[in-house]
C-alpha atoms as a PDB file:
ATOM      1  CA  UNK A   1     173.853  65.644 131.263  1.00  0.00           C
ATOM      2  CA  UNK A   2     174.283  69.042 129.648  1.00  0.00           C
ATOM      3  CA  UNK A   3     172.392  69.685 126.404  1.00  0.00           C
ATOM      4  CA  UNK A   4     174.720  70.384 123.506  1.00  0.00           C
ATOM      5  CA  UNK A   5     174.444  73.901 122.130  1.00  0.00           C
ATOM      6  CA  UNK A   6     172.838  74.264 118.733  1.00  0.00           C
ATOM      7  CA  UNK A   7     175.067  76.095 116.317  1.00  0.00           C
ATOM      8  CA  UNK A   8     174.077  78.138 113.297  1.00  0.00           C
ATOM      9  CA  UNK A   9     176.757  78.895 110.744  1.00  0.00           C
ATOM     10  CA  UNK A  10     176.075  81.737 108.320  1.00  0.00           C
ATOM     11  CA  UNK A  11     177.886  82.178 105.021  1.00  0.00           C
ATOM     12  CA  UNK A  12     176.765  85.279 103.124  1.00  0.00           C
ATOM     13  CA  UNK A  13     178.651  88.221 101.617  1.00  0.00           C
ATOM     14  CA  UNK A  14     175.889  90.690 102.487  1.00  0.00           C
ATOM     15  CA  UNK A  15     176.504  92.230 105.913  1.00  0.00           C
ATOM     16  CA  UNK A  16     172.830  93.136 106.401  1.00  0.00           C
ATOM     17  CA  UNK A  17     171.728  89.567 105.661  1.00  0.00           C
ATOM     18  CA  UNK A  18     174.288  88.208 108.128  1.00  0.00           C
ATOM     19  CA  UNK A  19     173.118  90.688 110.784  1.00  0.00           C
ATOM     20  CA  UNK A  20     169.437  89.826 110.226  1.00  0.00           C
ATOM     21  CA  UNK A  21     169.990  86.070 110.257  1.00  0.00           C
ATOM     22  CA  UNK A  22     172.148  86.322 113.376  1.00  0.00           C
ATOM     23  CA  UNK A  23     169.469  88.267 115.210  1.00  0.00           C
ATOM     24  CA  UNK A  24     166.727  85.791 114.236  1.00  0.00           C
ATOM     25  CA  UNK A  25     168.758  82.689 115.024  1.00  0.00           C
ATOM     26  CA  UNK A  26     169.929  83.969 118.412  1.00  0.00           C
ATOM     27  CA  UNK A  27     166.292  84.633 119.277  1.00  0.00           C
ATOM     28  CA  UNK A  28     165.651  80.931 118.607  1.00  0.00           C
ATOM     29  CA  UNK A  29     168.455  79.886 120.944  1.00  0.00           C
ATOM     30  CA  UNK A  30     171.285  79.222 118.497  1.00  0.00           C
ATOM     31  CA  UNK A  31     174.926  80.058 118.999  1.00  0.00           C
ATOM     32  CA  UNK A  32     175.714  81.879 115.751  1.00  0.00           C
ATOM     33  CA  UNK A  33     178.990  82.083 113.898  1.00  0.00           C
ATOM     34  CA  UNK A  34     179.646  83.833 110.608  1.00  0.00           C
ATOM     35  CA  UNK A  35     181.999  82.007 108.278  1.00  0.00           C
ATOM     36  CA  UNK A  36     183.806  83.074 105.122  1.00  0.00           C
ATOM     37  CA  UNK A  37     184.106  79.711 103.407  1.00  0.00           C
ATOM     38  CA  UNK A  38     182.608  76.228 103.666  1.00  0.00           C
ATOM     39  CA  UNK A  39     186.080  74.800 104.323  1.00  0.00           C
ATOM     40  CA  UNK A  40     185.987  76.412 107.785  1.00  0.00           C
ATOM     41  CA  UNK A  41     183.314  73.913 108.765  1.00  0.00           C
ATOM     42  CA  UNK A  42     185.587  70.918 108.317  1.00  0.00           C
ATOM     43  CA  UNK A  43     187.245  71.768 111.635  1.00  0.00           C
ATOM     44  CA  UNK A  44     183.881  72.114 113.371  1.00  0.00           C
ATOM     45  CA  UNK A  45     182.451  68.634 112.812  1.00  0.00           C
ATOM     46  CA  UNK A  46     181.441  68.289 116.467  1.00  0.00           C
ATOM     47  CA  UNK A  47     179.451  71.530 116.364  1.00  0.00           C
ATOM     48  CA  UNK A  48     177.867  70.568 113.052  1.00  0.00           C
ATOM     49  CA  UNK A  49     176.233  67.524 114.615  1.00  0.00           C
ATOM     50  CA  UNK A  50     173.826  69.826 116.437  1.00  0.00           C
ATOM     51  CA  UNK A  51     173.892  72.725 114.039  1.00  0.00           C
ATOM     52  CA  UNK A  52     172.482  74.238 110.914  1.00  0.00           C
ATOM     53  CA  UNK A  53     174.274  75.917 108.008  1.00  0.00           C
ATOM     54  CA  UNK A  54     172.691  78.817 106.120  1.00  0.00           C
ATOM     55  CA  UNK A  55     174.694  79.722 103.057  1.00  0.00           C
ATOM     56  CA  UNK A  56     174.415  81.848  99.953  1.00  0.00           C
ATOM     57  CA  UNK A  57     176.924  80.155  97.676  1.00  0.00           C
ATOM     58  CA  UNK A  58     177.097  79.290  94.009  1.00  0.00           C
ATOM     59  CA  UNK A  59     176.044  75.826  92.890  1.00  0.00           C
ATOM     60  CA  UNK A  60     179.541  75.166  91.557  1.00  0.00           C
ATOM     61  CA  UNK A  61     180.964  75.675  95.061  1.00  0.00           C
ATOM     62  CA  UNK A  62     178.428  73.212  96.473  1.00  0.00           C
ATOM     63  CA  UNK A  63     179.246  70.662  93.783  1.00  0.00           C
ATOM     64  CA  UNK A  64     182.869  70.804  94.930  1.00  0.00           C
ATOM     65  CA  UNK A  65     181.826  69.951  98.503  1.00  0.00           C
ATOM     66  CA  UNK A  66     179.615  66.898  97.924  1.00  0.00           C
ATOM     67  CA  UNK A  67     181.136  64.701 100.680  1.00  0.00           C
ATOM     68  CA  UNK A  68     180.561  67.411 103.272  1.00  0.00           C
ATOM     69  CA  UNK A  69     177.069  68.191 102.000  1.00  0.00           C
ATOM     70  CA  UNK A  70     176.091  64.558 102.463  1.00  0.00           C
ATOM     71  CA  UNK A  71     177.168  64.744 106.117  1.00  0.00           C
ATOM     72  CA  UNK A  72     175.137  67.906 106.711  1.00  0.00           C
ATOM     73  CA  UNK A  73     172.079  66.542 104.952  1.00  0.00           C
ATOM     74  CA  UNK A  74     168.892  68.301 105.888  1.00  0.00           C
ATOM     75  CA  UNK A  75     170.709  70.767 108.134  1.00  0.00           C
ATOM     76  CA  UNK A  76     172.121  72.676 105.151  1.00  0.00           C
ATOM     77  CA  UNK A  77     169.901  75.548 104.016  1.00  0.00           C
ATOM     78  CA  UNK A  78     170.698  77.385 100.797  1.00  0.00           C
ATOM     79  CA  UNK A  79     169.631  81.020 100.756  1.00  0.00           C
ATOM     80  CA  UNK A  80     169.566  82.684  97.365  1.00  0.00           C
ATOM     81  CA  UNK A  81     167.945  85.600  95.600  1.00  0.00           C
ATOM     82  CA  UNK A  82     167.349  83.571  92.429  1.00  0.00           C
ATOM     83  CA  UNK A  83     165.856  80.103  92.462  1.00  0.00           C
ATOM     84  CA  UNK A  84     164.841  78.843  89.037  1.00  0.00           C
ATOM     85  CA  UNK A  85     163.281  75.483  88.181  1.00  0.00           C
ATOM     86  CA  UNK A  86     166.553  74.522  86.495  1.00  0.00           C
ATOM     87  CA  UNK A  87     168.528  75.432  89.633  1.00  0.00           C
ATOM     88  CA  UNK A  88     166.151  73.430  91.825  1.00  0.00           C
ATOM     89  CA  UNK A  89     166.663  70.305  89.733  1.00  0.00           C
ATOM     90  CA  UNK A  90     170.429  70.760  89.844  1.00  0.00           C
ATOM     91  CA  UNK A  91     170.382  71.383  93.609  1.00  0.00           C
ATOM     92  CA  UNK A  92     168.274  68.285  94.268  1.00  0.00           C
ATOM     93  CA  UNK A  93     170.767  66.187  92.291  1.00  0.00           C
ATOM     94  CA  UNK A  94     173.536  67.224  94.691  1.00  0.00           C
ATOM     95  CA  UNK A  95     171.382  66.713  97.779  1.00  0.00           C
ATOM     96  CA  UNK A  96     170.213  70.247  98.596  1.00  0.00           C
ATOM     97  CA  UNK A  97     166.593  70.013  99.695  1.00  0.00           C
ATOM     98  CA  UNK A  98     166.182  73.130 101.809  1.00  0.00           C
ATOM     99  CA  UNK A  99     166.103  76.431  99.970  1.00  0.00           C
ATOM    100  CA  UNK A 100     164.975  79.848 101.143  1.00  0.00           C
ATOM    101  CA  UNK A 101     164.592  82.672  98.686  1.00  0.00           C
ATOM    102  CA  UNK A 102     165.990  86.064  99.620  1.00  0.00           C
ATOM    103  CA  UNK A 103     164.936  88.291 101.186  1.00  0.00           C
ATOM    104  CA  UNK A 104     164.663  85.829 104.072  1.00  0.00           C
ATOM    105  CA  UNK A 105     161.429  86.209 105.986  1.00  0.00           C
ATOM    106  CA  UNK A 106     161.720  85.346 109.710  1.00  0.00           C
ATOM    107  CA  UNK A 107     158.544  83.213 109.680  1.00  0.00           C
ATOM    108  CA  UNK A 108     159.820  81.168 106.732  1.00  0.00           C
ATOM    109  CA  UNK A 109     163.192  80.656 108.415  1.00  0.00           C
ATOM    110  CA  UNK A 110     161.460  79.603 111.617  1.00  0.00           C
ATOM    111  CA  UNK A 111     159.345  77.017 109.768  1.00  0.00           C
ATOM    112  CA  UNK A 112     162.442  75.716 108.009  1.00  0.00           C
ATOM    113  CA  UNK A 113     164.326  75.341 111.292  1.00  0.00           C
ATOM    114  CA  UNK A 114     161.381  73.589 112.927  1.00  0.00           C
ATOM    115  CA  UNK A 115     161.409  71.030 110.112  1.00  0.00           C
ATOM    116  CA  UNK A 116     165.032  70.092 110.813  1.00  0.00           C
ATOM    117  CA  UNK A 117     165.837  67.162 113.094  1.00  0.00           C
ATOM    118  CA  UNK A 118     168.629  67.949 115.512  1.00  0.00           C
ATOM    119  CA  UNK A 119     170.487  65.017 117.066  1.00  0.00           C
ATOM    120  CA  UNK A 120     171.444  64.823 120.747  1.00  0.00           C
ATOM    121  CA  UNK A 121     168.158  66.214 121.976  1.00  0.00           C
ATOM    122  CA  UNK A 122     168.478  69.648 120.428  1.00  0.00           C
ATOM    123  CA  UNK A 123     165.156  71.399 120.527  1.00  0.00           C
ATOM    124  CA  UNK A 124     163.546  73.418 117.774  1.00  0.00           C
ATOM    125  CA  UNK A 125     161.694  76.687 118.292  1.00  0.00           C
ATOM    126  CA  UNK A 126     158.208  75.910 119.509  1.00  0.00           C
ATOM    127  CA  UNK A 127     155.085  76.460 117.478  1.00  0.00           C
ATOM    128  CA  UNK A 128     151.481  75.523 118.200  1.00  0.00           C
ATOM    129  CA  UNK A 129     150.574  73.723 114.994  1.00  0.00           C
ATOM    130  CA  UNK A 130     152.493  70.936 113.339  1.00  0.00           C
ATOM    131  CA  UNK A 131     152.399  70.908 109.573  1.00  0.00           C
ATOM    132  CA  UNK A 132     154.537  70.110 106.579  1.00  0.00           C
ATOM    133  CA  UNK A 133     156.889  72.980 105.833  1.00  0.00           C
ATOM    134  CA  UNK A 134     157.560  74.598 102.511  1.00  0.00           C
ATOM    135  CA  UNK A 135     161.134  74.612 101.330  1.00  0.00           C
ATOM    136  CA  UNK A 136     161.138  78.023  99.672  1.00  0.00           C
ATOM    137  CA  UNK A 137     160.774  81.435 101.206  1.00  0.00           C
ATOM    138  CA  UNK A 138     160.605  84.932  99.839  1.00  0.00           C
ATOM    139  CA  UNK A 139     157.675  85.569  97.543  1.00  0.00           C
ATOM    140  CA  UNK A 140     156.845  81.851  97.309  1.00  0.00           C
ATOM    141  CA  UNK A 141     158.199  81.537  93.754  1.00  0.00           C
END
């Protein structure tokens, strides 16, 4: 039986961020696709089952997509330059648990990906030690 490809969908307006994330994720064995809007993912439900979504979007946009966010669960990663305590509370209320602060550091992204469970036997990048992973990147704020 052929292992299903792991997809990574990237939604970010910054071309450099998209380029960097694509390079990192391909290194970890993902098939990467850049998207312009979360609605594009509705047609890709099969790929989402073994995928991860990294998105820099406003909270209001996420609040408008609650049914889809529930389906993605832990495989949705919000990337943002500004994460306040108030934003974290609001994000948790809508089900966003994984947050990486920009600029995205490759080691933080790798830890985040390793913490995600992929169905259908998808494998995560290997690492020697197993530990609990932090949910914020950047300067640790």
